[in-house]
Amino acid sequence: MPWLDPVAYVFGGAFLANAVPHLVTGMTGRPFQSPFAKPPGQGLSSSTVNVLWGFFNLVVGYLLVCRVGDFDLRDASDVVALGLGVLLLALVSARHFGRFNGGNTPERS
């Protein structure tokens, strides 16, 4: 089904975007919020848990982008779908994690 391909790319982009903060924070040895913390998404998980969660997200993102349909970097609609998933999850993450890490301070003029 052709309409499922862009949907998979949006979700694949979201999973790939979610892999970045968990992998980077985990690789630097710092704790970070994850779904496995108490409370989920608010408490801190160990760096090891974040590396594993980030890697899982990377694998799922790869499967959704590279194994569903025929993703083509030269096809604007494929890239837009992937980019939309990345952007949406990045914005949601910025708002959510900004509450815990000081990123939601008002802009100064």
PDB file of N, CA and C in Angstrom:
ATOM      1  N   MET A   1       0.834  -1.184   0.000  1.00  0.00           N
ATOM      2  CA  MET A   1       0.000   0.000   0.000  1.00  0.00           C
ATOM      3  C   MET A   1       0.879   1.248   0.000  1.00  0.00           C
ATOM      4  N   PRO A   2       0.765   2.054  -1.031  1.00  0.00           N
ATOM      5  CA  PRO A   2       1.654   3.209  -1.152  1.00  0.00           C
ATOM      6  C   PRO A   2       1.509   4.237  -0.038  1.00  0.00           C
ATOM      7  N   TRP A   3       0.323   4.407   0.559  1.00  0.00           N
ATOM      8  CA  TRP A   3       0.167   5.414   1.606  1.00  0.00           C
ATOM      9  C   TRP A   3       0.836   4.989   2.903  1.00  0.00           C
ATOM     10  N   LEU A   4       1.109   3.682   3.066  1.00  0.00           N
ATOM     11  CA  LEU A   4       1.785   3.223   4.281  1.00  0.00           C
ATOM     12  C   LEU A   4       3.271   3.599   4.294  1.00  0.00           C
ATOM     13  N   ASP A   5       3.863   3.724   3.117  1.00  0.00           N
ATOM     14  CA  ASP A   5       5.288   4.059   3.057  1.00  0.00           C
ATOM     15  C   ASP A   5       5.587   5.393   3.728  1.00  0.00           C
ATOM     16  N   PRO A   6       4.922   6.503   3.363  1.00  0.00           N
ATOM     17  CA  PRO A   6       5.236   7.768   4.029  1.00  0.00           C
ATOM     18  C   PRO A   6       4.922   7.745   5.522  1.00  0.00           C
ATOM     19  N   VAL A   7       3.897   7.007   5.918  1.00  0.00           N
ATOM     20  CA  VAL A   7       3.584   6.891   7.347  1.00  0.00           C
ATOM     21  C   VAL A   7       4.746   6.193   8.065  1.00  0.00           C
ATOM     22  N   ALA A   8       5.260   5.129   7.451  1.00  0.00           N
ATOM     23  CA  ALA A   8       6.408   4.431   8.039  1.00  0.00           C
ATOM     24  C   ALA A   8       7.619   5.355   8.111  1.00  0.00           C
ATOM     25  N   TYR A   9       7.817   6.215   7.113  1.00  0.00           N
ATOM     26  CA  TYR A   9       8.959   7.126   7.113  1.00  0.00           C
ATOM     27  C   TYR A   9       8.824   8.197   8.194  1.00  0.00           C
ATOM     28  N   VAL A  10       7.594   8.671   8.429  1.00  0.00           N
ATOM     29  CA  VAL A  10       7.375   9.646   9.518  1.00  0.00           C
ATOM     30  C   VAL A  10       7.733   9.004  10.853  1.00  0.00           C
ATOM     31  N   PHE A  11       7.215   7.808  11.091  1.00  0.00           N
ATOM     32  CA  PHE A  11       7.531   7.125  12.348  1.00  0.00           C
ATOM     33  C   PHE A  11       9.007   6.738  12.419  1.00  0.00           C
ATOM     34  N   GLY A  12       9.575   6.344  11.288  1.00  0.00           N
ATOM     35  CA  GLY A  12      11.004   6.043  11.261  1.00  0.00           C
ATOM     36  C   GLY A  12      11.837   7.258  11.625  1.00  0.00           C
ATOM     37  N   GLY A  13      11.455   8.424  11.103  1.00  0.00           N
ATOM     38  CA  GLY A  13      12.152   9.658  11.464  1.00  0.00           C
ATOM     39  C   GLY A  13      12.038   9.961  12.943  1.00  0.00           C
ATOM     40  N   ALA A  14      10.859   9.703  13.510  1.00  0.00           N
ATOM     41  CA  ALA A  14      10.665   9.928  14.950  1.00  0.00           C
ATOM     42  C   ALA A  14      11.559   8.993  15.768  1.00  0.00           C
ATOM     43  N   PHE A  15      11.614   7.725  15.384  1.00  0.00           N
ATOM     44  CA  PHE A  15      12.481   6.792  16.104  1.00  0.00           C
ATOM     45  C   PHE A  15      13.956   7.175  15.960  1.00  0.00           C
ATOM     46  N   LEU A  16      14.357   7.590  14.764  1.00  0.00           N
ATOM     47  CA  LEU A  16      15.756   7.994  14.572  1.00  0.00           C
ATOM     48  C   LEU A  16      16.083   9.238  15.392  1.00  0.00           C
ATOM     49  N   ALA A  17      15.153  10.189  15.439  1.00  0.00           N
ATOM     50  CA  ALA A  17      15.378  11.386  16.249  1.00  0.00           C
ATOM     51  C   ALA A  17      15.464  11.024  17.730  1.00  0.00           C
ATOM     52  N   ASN A  18      14.641  10.092  18.170  1.00  0.00           N
ATOM     53  CA  ASN A  18      14.652   9.694  19.576  1.00  0.00           C
ATOM     54  C   ASN A  18      15.935   8.950  19.943  1.00  0.00           C
ATOM     55  N   ALA A  19      16.560   8.315  18.974  1.00  0.00           N
ATOM     56  CA  ALA A  19      17.805   7.592  19.258  1.00  0.00           C
ATOM     57  C   ALA A  19      18.930   8.544  19.643  1.00  0.00           C
ATOM     58  N   VAL A  20      18.942   9.724  19.056  1.00  0.00           N
ATOM     59  CA  VAL A  20      20.074  10.640  19.227  1.00  0.00           C
ATOM     60  C   VAL A  20      20.310  11.054  20.681  1.00  0.00           C
ATOM     61  N   PRO A  21      19.328  11.637  21.391  1.00  0.00           N
ATOM     62  CA  PRO A  21      19.636  12.089  22.753  1.00  0.00           C
ATOM     63  C   PRO A  21      19.969  10.932  23.693  1.00  0.00           C
ATOM     64  N   HIS A  22      19.309   9.785  23.500  1.00  0.00           N
ATOM     65  CA  HIS A  22      19.576   8.655  24.388  1.00  0.00           C
ATOM     66  C   HIS A  22      20.967   8.082  24.147  1.00  0.00           C
ATOM     67  N   LEU A  23      21.354   7.933  22.889  1.00  0.00           N
ATOM     68  CA  LEU A  23      22.696   7.424  22.594  1.00  0.00           C
ATOM     69  C   LEU A  23      23.778   8.397  23.049  1.00  0.00           C
ATOM     70  N   VAL A  24      23.614   9.664  22.712  1.00  0.00           N
ATOM     71  CA  VAL A  24      24.649  10.653  23.049  1.00  0.00           C
ATOM     72  C   VAL A  24      24.794  10.800  24.554  1.00  0.00           C
ATOM     73  N   THR A  25      23.669  10.950  25.254  1.00  0.00           N
ATOM     74  CA  THR A  25      23.738  11.116  26.706  1.00  0.00           C
ATOM     75  C   THR A  25      24.290   9.863  27.361  1.00  0.00           C
ATOM     76  N   GLY A  26      23.827   8.708  26.908  1.00  0.00           N
ATOM     77  CA  GLY A  26      24.330   7.457  27.466  1.00  0.00           C
ATOM     78  C   GLY A  26      25.809   7.269  27.200  1.00  0.00           C
ATOM     79  N   MET A  27      26.260   7.607  25.995  1.00  0.00           N
ATOM     80  CA  MET A  27      27.677   7.435  25.654  1.00  0.00           C
ATOM     81  C   MET A  27      28.576   8.383  26.428  1.00  0.00           C
ATOM     82  N   THR A  28      28.021   9.494  26.880  1.00  0.00           N
ATOM     83  CA  THR A  28      28.832  10.416  27.687  1.00  0.00           C
ATOM     84  C   THR A  28      28.784  10.048  29.165  1.00  0.00           C
ATOM     85  N   GLY A  29      28.053   8.977  29.490  1.00  0.00           N
ATOM     86  CA  GLY A  29      28.037   8.475  30.852  1.00  0.00           C
ATOM     87  C   GLY A  29      27.083   9.200  31.791  1.00  0.00           C
ATOM     88  N   ARG A  30      26.164   9.971  31.224  1.00  0.00           N
ATOM     89  CA  ARG A  30      25.227  10.714  32.078  1.00  0.00           C
ATOM     90  C   ARG A  30      23.856  10.051  32.079  1.00  0.00           C
ATOM     91  N   PRO A  31      23.127  10.163  33.183  1.00  0.00           N
ATOM     92  CA  PRO A  31      21.755   9.659  33.211  1.00  0.00           C
ATOM     93  C   PRO A  31      20.835  10.591  32.437  1.00  0.00           C
ATOM     94  N   PHE A  32      19.709  10.063  32.006  1.00  0.00           N
ATOM     95  CA  PHE A  32      18.752  10.851  31.228  1.00  0.00           C
ATOM     96  C   PHE A  32      17.378  10.221  31.394  1.00  0.00           C
ATOM     97  N   GLN A  33      16.332  10.982  31.155  1.00  0.00           N
ATOM     98  CA  GLN A  33      14.976  10.461  31.258  1.00  0.00           C
ATOM     99  C   GLN A  33      14.751   9.385  30.203  1.00  0.00           C
ATOM    100  N   SER A  34      13.997   8.361  30.591  1.00  0.00           N
ATOM    101  CA  SER A  34      13.622   7.312  29.637  1.00  0.00           C
ATOM    102  C   SER A  34      12.294   6.709  30.074  1.00  0.00           C
ATOM    103  N   PRO A  35      11.690   5.897  29.212  1.00  0.00           N
ATOM    104  CA  PRO A  35      10.431   5.253  29.589  1.00  0.00           C
ATOM    105  C   PRO A  35      10.592   4.239  30.713  1.00  0.00           C
ATOM    106  N   PHE A  36      11.818   3.878  31.049  1.00  0.00           N
ATOM    107  CA  PHE A  36      12.060   2.851  32.060  1.00  0.00           C
ATOM    108  C   PHE A  36      12.329   3.434  33.442  1.00  0.00           C
ATOM    109  N   ALA A  37      12.380   4.751  33.545  1.00  0.00           N
ATOM    110  CA  ALA A  37      12.632   5.414  34.825  1.00  0.00           C
ATOM    111  C   ALA A  37      11.344   5.453  35.632  1.00  0.00           C
ATOM    112  N   LYS A  38      11.488   5.827  36.881  1.00  0.00           N
ATOM    113  CA  LYS A  38      10.321   6.013  37.743  1.00  0.00           C
ATOM    114  C   LYS A  38      10.275   7.458  38.167  1.00  0.00           C
ATOM    115  N   PRO A  39       9.231   8.214  37.836  1.00  0.00           N
ATOM    116  CA  PRO A  39       8.137   7.887  36.925  1.00  0.00           C
ATOM    117  C   PRO A  39       8.622   7.885  35.475  1.00  0.00           C
ATOM    118  N   PRO A  40       7.979   7.072  34.630  1.00  0.00           N
ATOM    119  CA  PRO A  40       8.412   6.952  33.230  1.00  0.00           C
ATOM    120  C   PRO A  40       8.463   8.298  32.507  1.00  0.00           C
ATOM    121  N   GLY A  41       9.556   8.531  31.814  1.00  0.00           N
ATOM    122  CA  GLY A  41       9.715   9.759  31.042  1.00  0.00           C
ATOM    123  C   GLY A  41      10.075  10.975  31.863  1.00  0.00           C
ATOM    124  N   GLN A  42      10.140  10.824  33.186  1.00  0.00           N
ATOM    125  CA  GLN A  42      10.470  11.953  34.046  1.00  0.00           C
ATOM    126  C   GLN A  42      11.698  11.674  34.902  1.00  0.00           C
ATOM    127  N   GLY A  43      11.750  10.475  35.488  1.00  0.00           N
ATOM    128  CA  GLY A  43      12.915  10.111  36.301  1.00  0.00           C
ATOM    129  C   GLY A  43      14.107   9.823  35.408  1.00  0.00           C
ATOM    130  N   LEU A  44      15.250   9.659  36.039  1.00  0.00           N
ATOM    131  CA  LEU A  44      16.483   9.408  35.287  1.00  0.00           C
ATOM    132  C   LEU A  44      16.787   7.925  35.199  1.00  0.00           C
ATOM    133  N   SER A  45      17.245   7.506  34.039  1.00  0.00           N
ATOM    134  CA  SER A  45      17.735   6.146  33.832  1.00  0.00           C
ATOM    135  C   SER A  45      19.243   6.196  33.668  1.00  0.00           C
ATOM    136  N   SER A  46      19.885   5.087  33.933  1.00  0.00           N
ATOM    137  CA  SER A  46      21.346   5.028  33.834  1.00  0.00           C
ATOM    138  C   SER A  46      21.811   5.237  32.399  1.00  0.00           C
ATOM    139  N   SER A  47      23.083   5.528  32.270  1.00  0.00           N
ATOM    140  CA  SER A  47      23.653   5.715  30.936  1.00  0.00           C
ATOM    141  C   SER A  47      23.550   4.428  30.117  1.00  0.00           C
ATOM    142  N   THR A  48      23.712   3.278  30.766  1.00  0.00           N
ATOM    143  CA  THR A  48      23.608   2.002  30.056  1.00  0.00           C
ATOM    144  C   THR A  48      22.199   1.781  29.512  1.00  0.00           C
ATOM    145  N   VAL A  49      21.189   2.054  30.321  1.00  0.00           N
ATOM    146  CA  VAL A  49      19.803   1.917  29.866  1.00  0.00           C
ATOM    147  C   VAL A  49      19.558   2.844  28.680  1.00  0.00           C
ATOM    148  N   ASN A  50      20.101   4.058  28.730  1.00  0.00           N
ATOM    149  CA  ASN A  50      19.896   5.002  27.631  1.00  0.00           C
ATOM    150  C   ASN A  50      20.598   4.562  26.357  1.00  0.00           C
ATOM    151  N   VAL A  51      21.766   3.975  26.458  1.00  0.00           N
ATOM    152  CA  VAL A  51      22.438   3.462  25.258  1.00  0.00           C
ATOM    153  C   VAL A  51      21.610   2.338  24.645  1.00  0.00           C
ATOM    154  N   LEU A  52      21.114   1.436  25.474  1.00  0.00           N
ATOM    155  CA  LEU A  52      20.291   0.335  24.960  1.00  0.00           C
ATOM    156  C   LEU A  52      18.991   0.848  24.341  1.00  0.00           C
ATOM    157  N   TRP A  53      18.341   1.809  24.989  1.00  0.00           N
ATOM    158  CA  TRP A  53      17.096   2.387  24.464  1.00  0.00           C
ATOM    159  C   TRP A  53      17.380   3.145  23.158  1.00  0.00           C
ATOM    160  N   GLY A  54      18.467   3.884  23.124  1.00  0.00           N
ATOM    161  CA  GLY A  54      18.834   4.599  21.909  1.00  0.00           C
ATOM    162  C   GLY A  54      19.124   3.648  20.762  1.00  0.00           C
ATOM    163  N   PHE A  55      19.819   2.562  21.050  1.00  0.00           N
ATOM    164  CA  PHE A  55      20.134   1.591  20.009  1.00  0.00           C
ATOM    165  C   PHE A  55      18.864   0.919  19.494  1.00  0.00           C
ATOM    166  N   PHE A  56      17.943   0.593  20.402  1.00  0.00           N
ATOM    167  CA  PHE A  56      16.658   0.023  19.996  1.00  0.00           C
ATOM    168  C   PHE A  56      15.928   0.975  19.050  1.00  0.00           C
ATOM    169  N   ASN A  57      15.895   2.268  19.392  1.00  0.00           N
ATOM    170  CA  ASN A  57      15.251   3.262  18.541  1.00  0.00           C
ATOM    171  C   ASN A  57      15.931   3.344  17.174  1.00  0.00           C
ATOM    172  N   LEU A  58      17.244   3.248  17.157  1.00  0.00           N
ATOM    173  CA  LEU A  58      18.005   3.273  15.908  1.00  0.00           C
ATOM    174  C   LEU A  58      17.619   2.085  15.016  1.00  0.00           C
ATOM    175  N   VAL A  59      17.511   0.906  15.610  1.00  0.00           N
ATOM    176  CA  VAL A  59      17.143  -0.293  14.846  1.00  0.00           C
ATOM    177  C   VAL A  59      15.721  -0.171  14.288  1.00  0.00           C
ATOM    178  N   VAL A  60      14.767   0.261  15.125  1.00  0.00           N
ATOM    179  CA  VAL A  60      13.382   0.403  14.663  1.00  0.00           C
ATOM    180  C   VAL A  60      13.304   1.467  13.570  1.00  0.00           C
ATOM    181  N   GLY A  61      14.010   2.583  13.753  1.00  0.00           N
ATOM    182  CA  GLY A  61      14.034   3.627  12.730  1.00  0.00           C
ATOM    183  C   GLY A  61      14.582   3.105  11.412  1.00  0.00           C
ATOM    184  N   TYR A  62      15.674   2.351  11.492  1.00  0.00           N
ATOM    185  CA  TYR A  62      16.248   1.743  10.285  1.00  0.00           C
ATOM    186  C   TYR A  62      15.233   0.832   9.596  1.00  0.00           C
ATOM    187  N   LEU A  63      14.586  -0.028  10.376  1.00  0.00           N
ATOM    188  CA  LEU A  63      13.619  -0.956   9.787  1.00  0.00           C
ATOM    189  C   LEU A  63      12.481  -0.214   9.105  1.00  0.00           C
ATOM    190  N   LEU A  64      11.969   0.841   9.737  1.00  0.00           N
ATOM    191  CA  LEU A  64      10.849   1.585   9.162  1.00  0.00           C
ATOM    192  C   LEU A  64      11.240   2.371   7.909  1.00  0.00           C
ATOM    193  N   VAL A  65      12.464   2.874   7.887  1.00  0.00           N
ATOM    194  CA  VAL A  65      12.894   3.693   6.746  1.00  0.00           C
ATOM    195  C   VAL A  65      13.467   2.832   5.617  1.00  0.00           C
ATOM    196  N   CYS A  66      14.272   1.875   5.958  1.00  0.00           N
ATOM    197  CA  CYS A  66      15.007   1.135   4.923  1.00  0.00           C
ATOM    198  C   CYS A  66      14.366  -0.187   4.507  1.00  0.00           C
ATOM    199  N   ARG A  67      13.429  -0.689   5.304  1.00  0.00           N
ATOM    200  CA  ARG A  67      12.837  -1.988   4.973  1.00  0.00           C
ATOM    201  C   ARG A  67      11.363  -1.910   4.604  1.00  0.00           C
ATOM    202  N   VAL A  68      10.760  -0.736   4.764  1.00  0.00           N
ATOM    203  CA  VAL A  68       9.367  -0.551   4.357  1.00  0.00           C
ATOM    204  C   VAL A  68       9.391   0.272   3.074  1.00  0.00           C
ATOM    205  N   GLY A  69       8.746  -0.211   2.051  1.00  0.00           N
ATOM    206  CA  GLY A  69       8.728   0.526   0.791  1.00  0.00           C
ATOM    207  C   GLY A  69      10.103   0.591   0.165  1.00  0.00           C
ATOM    208  N   ASP A  70      10.321   1.663  -0.590  1.00  0.00           N
ATOM    209  CA  ASP A  70      11.578   1.850  -1.311  1.00  0.00           C
ATOM    210  C   ASP A  70      12.042   3.286  -1.076  1.00  0.00           C
ATOM    211  N   PHE A  71      12.528   3.582   0.133  1.00  0.00           N
ATOM    212  CA  PHE A  71      12.939   4.939   0.483  1.00  0.00           C
ATOM    213  C   PHE A  71      14.040   5.412  -0.461  1.00  0.00           C
ATOM    214  N   ASP A  72      13.863   6.636  -0.981  1.00  0.00           N
ATOM    215  CA  ASP A  72      14.829   7.212  -1.911  1.00  0.00           C
ATOM    216  C   ASP A  72      15.177   8.621  -1.449  1.00  0.00           C
ATOM    217  N   LEU A  73      16.448   8.846  -1.129  1.00  0.00           N
ATOM    218  CA  LEU A  73      16.894  10.175  -0.682  1.00  0.00           C
ATOM    219  C   LEU A  73      16.681  11.241  -1.746  1.00  0.00           C
ATOM    220  N   ARG A  74      16.530  10.849  -2.998  1.00  0.00           N
ATOM    221  CA  ARG A  74      16.302  11.831  -4.071  1.00  0.00           C
ATOM    222  C   ARG A  74      14.824  12.113  -4.307  1.00  0.00           C
ATOM    223  N   ASP A  75      13.959  11.384  -3.606  1.00  0.00           N
ATOM    224  CA  ASP A  75      12.515  11.595  -3.728  1.00  0.00           C
ATOM    225  C   ASP A  75      12.081  12.557  -2.620  1.00  0.00           C
ATOM    226  N   ALA A  76      11.662  13.745  -3.034  1.00  0.00           N
ATOM    227  CA  ALA A  76      11.327  14.791  -2.062  1.00  0.00           C
ATOM    228  C   ALA A  76      10.235  14.349  -1.096  1.00  0.00           C
ATOM    229  N   SER A  77       9.248  13.619  -1.564  1.00  0.00           N
ATOM    230  CA  SER A  77       8.160  13.207  -0.670  1.00  0.00           C
ATOM    231  C   SER A  77       8.660  12.248   0.409  1.00  0.00           C
ATOM    232  N   ASP A  78       9.588  11.361   0.066  1.00  0.00           N
ATOM    233  CA  ASP A  78      10.176  10.461   1.069  1.00  0.00           C
ATOM    234  C   ASP A  78      10.962  11.262   2.106  1.00  0.00           C
ATOM    235  N   VAL A  79      11.753  12.195   1.635  1.00  0.00           N
ATOM    236  CA  VAL A  79      12.584  12.992   2.542  1.00  0.00           C
ATOM    237  C   VAL A  79      11.727  13.894   3.421  1.00  0.00           C
ATOM    238  N   VAL A  80      10.675  14.470   2.853  1.00  0.00           N
ATOM    239  CA  VAL A  80       9.765  15.317   3.643  1.00  0.00           C
ATOM    240  C   VAL A  80       9.094  14.493   4.735  1.00  0.00           C
ATOM    241  N   ALA A  81       8.643  13.296   4.419  1.00  0.00           N
ATOM    242  CA  ALA A  81       7.998  12.441   5.418  1.00  0.00           C
ATOM    243  C   ALA A  81       8.973  12.113   6.550  1.00  0.00           C
ATOM    244  N   LEU A  82      10.195  11.727   6.194  1.00  0.00           N
ATOM    245  CA  LEU A  82      11.214  11.428   7.203  1.00  0.00           C
ATOM    246  C   LEU A  82      11.524  12.671   8.035  1.00  0.00           C
ATOM    247  N   GLY A  83      11.726  13.795   7.366  1.00  0.00           N
ATOM    248  CA  GLY A  83      12.038  15.038   8.057  1.00  0.00           C
ATOM    249  C   GLY A  83      10.917  15.491   8.969  1.00  0.00           C
ATOM    250  N   LEU A  84       9.677  15.260   8.551  1.00  0.00           N
ATOM    251  CA  LEU A  84       8.536  15.620   9.384  1.00  0.00           C
ATOM    252  C   LEU A  84       8.541  14.816  10.684  1.00  0.00           C
ATOM    253  N   GLY A  85       8.837  13.537  10.583  1.00  0.00           N
ATOM    254  CA  GLY A  85       8.931  12.702  11.785  1.00  0.00           C
ATOM    255  C   GLY A  85      10.036  13.173  12.719  1.00  0.00           C
ATOM    256  N   VAL A  86      11.186  13.508  12.148  1.00  0.00           N
ATOM    257  CA  VAL A  86      12.307  14.020  12.958  1.00  0.00           C
ATOM    258  C   VAL A  86      11.909  15.328  13.635  1.00  0.00           C
ATOM    259  N   LEU A  87      11.348  16.256  12.860  1.00  0.00           N
ATOM    260  CA  LEU A  87      10.982  17.565  13.398  1.00  0.00           C
ATOM    261  C   LEU A  87       9.919  17.455  14.488  1.00  0.00           C
ATOM    262  N   LEU A  88       8.878  16.670  14.244  1.00  0.00           N
ATOM    263  CA  LEU A  88       7.804  16.540  15.230  1.00  0.00           C
ATOM    264  C   LEU A  88       8.321  15.970  16.547  1.00  0.00           C
ATOM    265  N   LEU A  89       9.103  14.896  16.469  1.00  0.00           N
ATOM    266  CA  LEU A  89       9.600  14.322  17.717  1.00  0.00           C
ATOM    267  C   LEU A  89      10.607  15.248  18.379  1.00  0.00           C
ATOM    268  N   ALA A  90      11.408  15.947  17.604  1.00  0.00           N
ATOM    269  CA  ALA A  90      12.366  16.887  18.182  1.00  0.00           C
ATOM    270  C   ALA A  90      11.652  18.007  18.938  1.00  0.00           C
ATOM    271  N   LEU A  91      10.568  18.530  18.365  1.00  0.00           N
ATOM    272  CA  LEU A  91       9.810  19.592  19.040  1.00  0.00           C
ATOM    273  C   LEU A  91       9.127  19.082  20.307  1.00  0.00           C
ATOM    274  N   VAL A  92       8.513  17.915  20.226  1.00  0.00           N
ATOM    275  CA  VAL A  92       7.872  17.327  21.406  1.00  0.00           C
ATOM    276  C   VAL A  92       8.918  17.057  22.486  1.00  0.00           C
ATOM    277  N   SER A  93      10.056  16.515  22.100  1.00  0.00           N
ATOM    278  CA  SER A  93      11.125  16.229  23.065  1.00  0.00           C
ATOM    279  C   SER A  93      11.672  17.506  23.693  1.00  0.00           C
ATOM    280  N   ALA A  94      11.834  18.535  22.888  1.00  0.00           N
ATOM    281  CA  ALA A  94      12.351  19.802  23.417  1.00  0.00           C
ATOM    282  C   ALA A  94      11.418  20.352  24.495  1.00  0.00           C
ATOM    283  N   ARG A  95      10.129  20.314  24.236  1.00  0.00           N
ATOM    284  CA  ARG A  95       9.149  20.799  25.225  1.00  0.00           C
ATOM    285  C   ARG A  95       9.139  19.910  26.462  1.00  0.00           C
ATOM    286  N   HIS A  96       9.118  18.597  26.261  1.00  0.00           N
ATOM    287  CA  HIS A  96       9.030  17.670  27.391  1.00  0.00           C
ATOM    288  C   HIS A  96      10.297  17.707  28.248  1.00  0.00           C
ATOM    289  N   PHE A  97      11.443  17.492  27.627  1.00  0.00           N
ATOM    290  CA  PHE A  97      12.686  17.422  28.397  1.00  0.00           C
ATOM    291  C   PHE A  97      13.161  18.797  28.848  1.00  0.00           C
ATOM    292  N   GLY A  98      12.696  19.843  28.183  1.00  0.00           N
ATOM    293  CA  GLY A  98      13.028  21.195  28.614  1.00  0.00           C
ATOM    294  C   GLY A  98      12.507  21.492  30.014  1.00  0.00           C
ATOM    295  N   ARG A  99      11.407  20.851  30.402  1.00  0.00           N
ATOM    296  CA  ARG A  99      10.879  21.022  31.759  1.00  0.00           C
ATOM    297  C   ARG A  99      11.871  20.552  32.806  1.00  0.00           C
ATOM    298  N   PHE A 100      12.656  19.541  32.484  1.00  0.00           N
ATOM    299  CA  PHE A 100      13.580  18.947  33.456  1.00  0.00           C
ATOM    300  C   PHE A 100      14.989  19.503  33.342  1.00  0.00           C
ATOM    301  N   ASN A 101      15.340  20.016  32.185  1.00  0.00           N
ATOM    302  CA  ASN A 101      16.729  20.423  31.946  1.00  0.00           C
ATOM    303  C   ASN A 101      16.888  21.909  31.687  1.00  0.00           C
ATOM    304  N   GLY A 102      15.885  22.704  31.983  1.00  0.00           N
ATOM    305  CA  GLY A 102      15.991  24.155  31.856  1.00  0.00           C
ATOM    306  C   GLY A 102      15.875  24.691  30.447  1.00  0.00           C
ATOM    307  N   GLY A 103      15.364  23.911  29.519  1.00  0.00           N
ATOM    308  CA  GLY A 103      15.305  24.354  28.130  1.00  0.00           C
ATOM    309  C   GLY A 103      14.047  25.112  27.766  1.00  0.00           C
ATOM    310  N   ASN A 104      13.135  25.304  28.699  1.00  0.00           N
ATOM    311  CA  ASN A 104      11.887  26.002  28.386  1.00  0.00           C
ATOM    312  C   ASN A 104      11.878  27.407  28.942  1.00  0.00           C
ATOM    313  N   THR A 105      13.032  28.015  29.081  1.00  0.00           N
ATOM    314  CA  THR A 105      13.082  29.392  29.567  1.00  0.00           C
ATOM    315  C   THR A 105      12.663  30.318  28.431  1.00  0.00           C
ATOM    316  N   PRO A 106      12.013  31.439  28.756  1.00  0.00           N
ATOM    317  CA  PRO A 106      11.577  32.353  27.687  1.00  0.00           C
ATOM    318  C   PRO A 106      12.758  32.971  26.959  1.00  0.00           C
ATOM    319  N   GLU A 107      12.554  33.225  25.679  1.00  0.00           N
ATOM    320  CA  GLU A 107      13.592  33.869  24.851  1.00  0.00           C
ATOM    321  C   GLU A 107      13.775  35.311  25.269  1.00  0.00           C
ATOM    322  N   ARG A 108      15.007  35.783  25.252  1.00  0.00           N
ATOM    323  CA  ARG A 108      15.287  37.179  25.557  1.00  0.00           C
ATOM    324  C   ARG A 108      15.495  37.935  24.255  1.00  0.00           C
ATOM    325  N   SER A 109      15.007  39.188  24.237  1.00  0.00           N
ATOM    326  CA  SER A 109      15.151  40.006  23.037  1.00  0.00           C
ATOM    327  C   SER A 109      16.461  40.743  23.049  1.00  0.00           C
TER     328      SER A 109
END
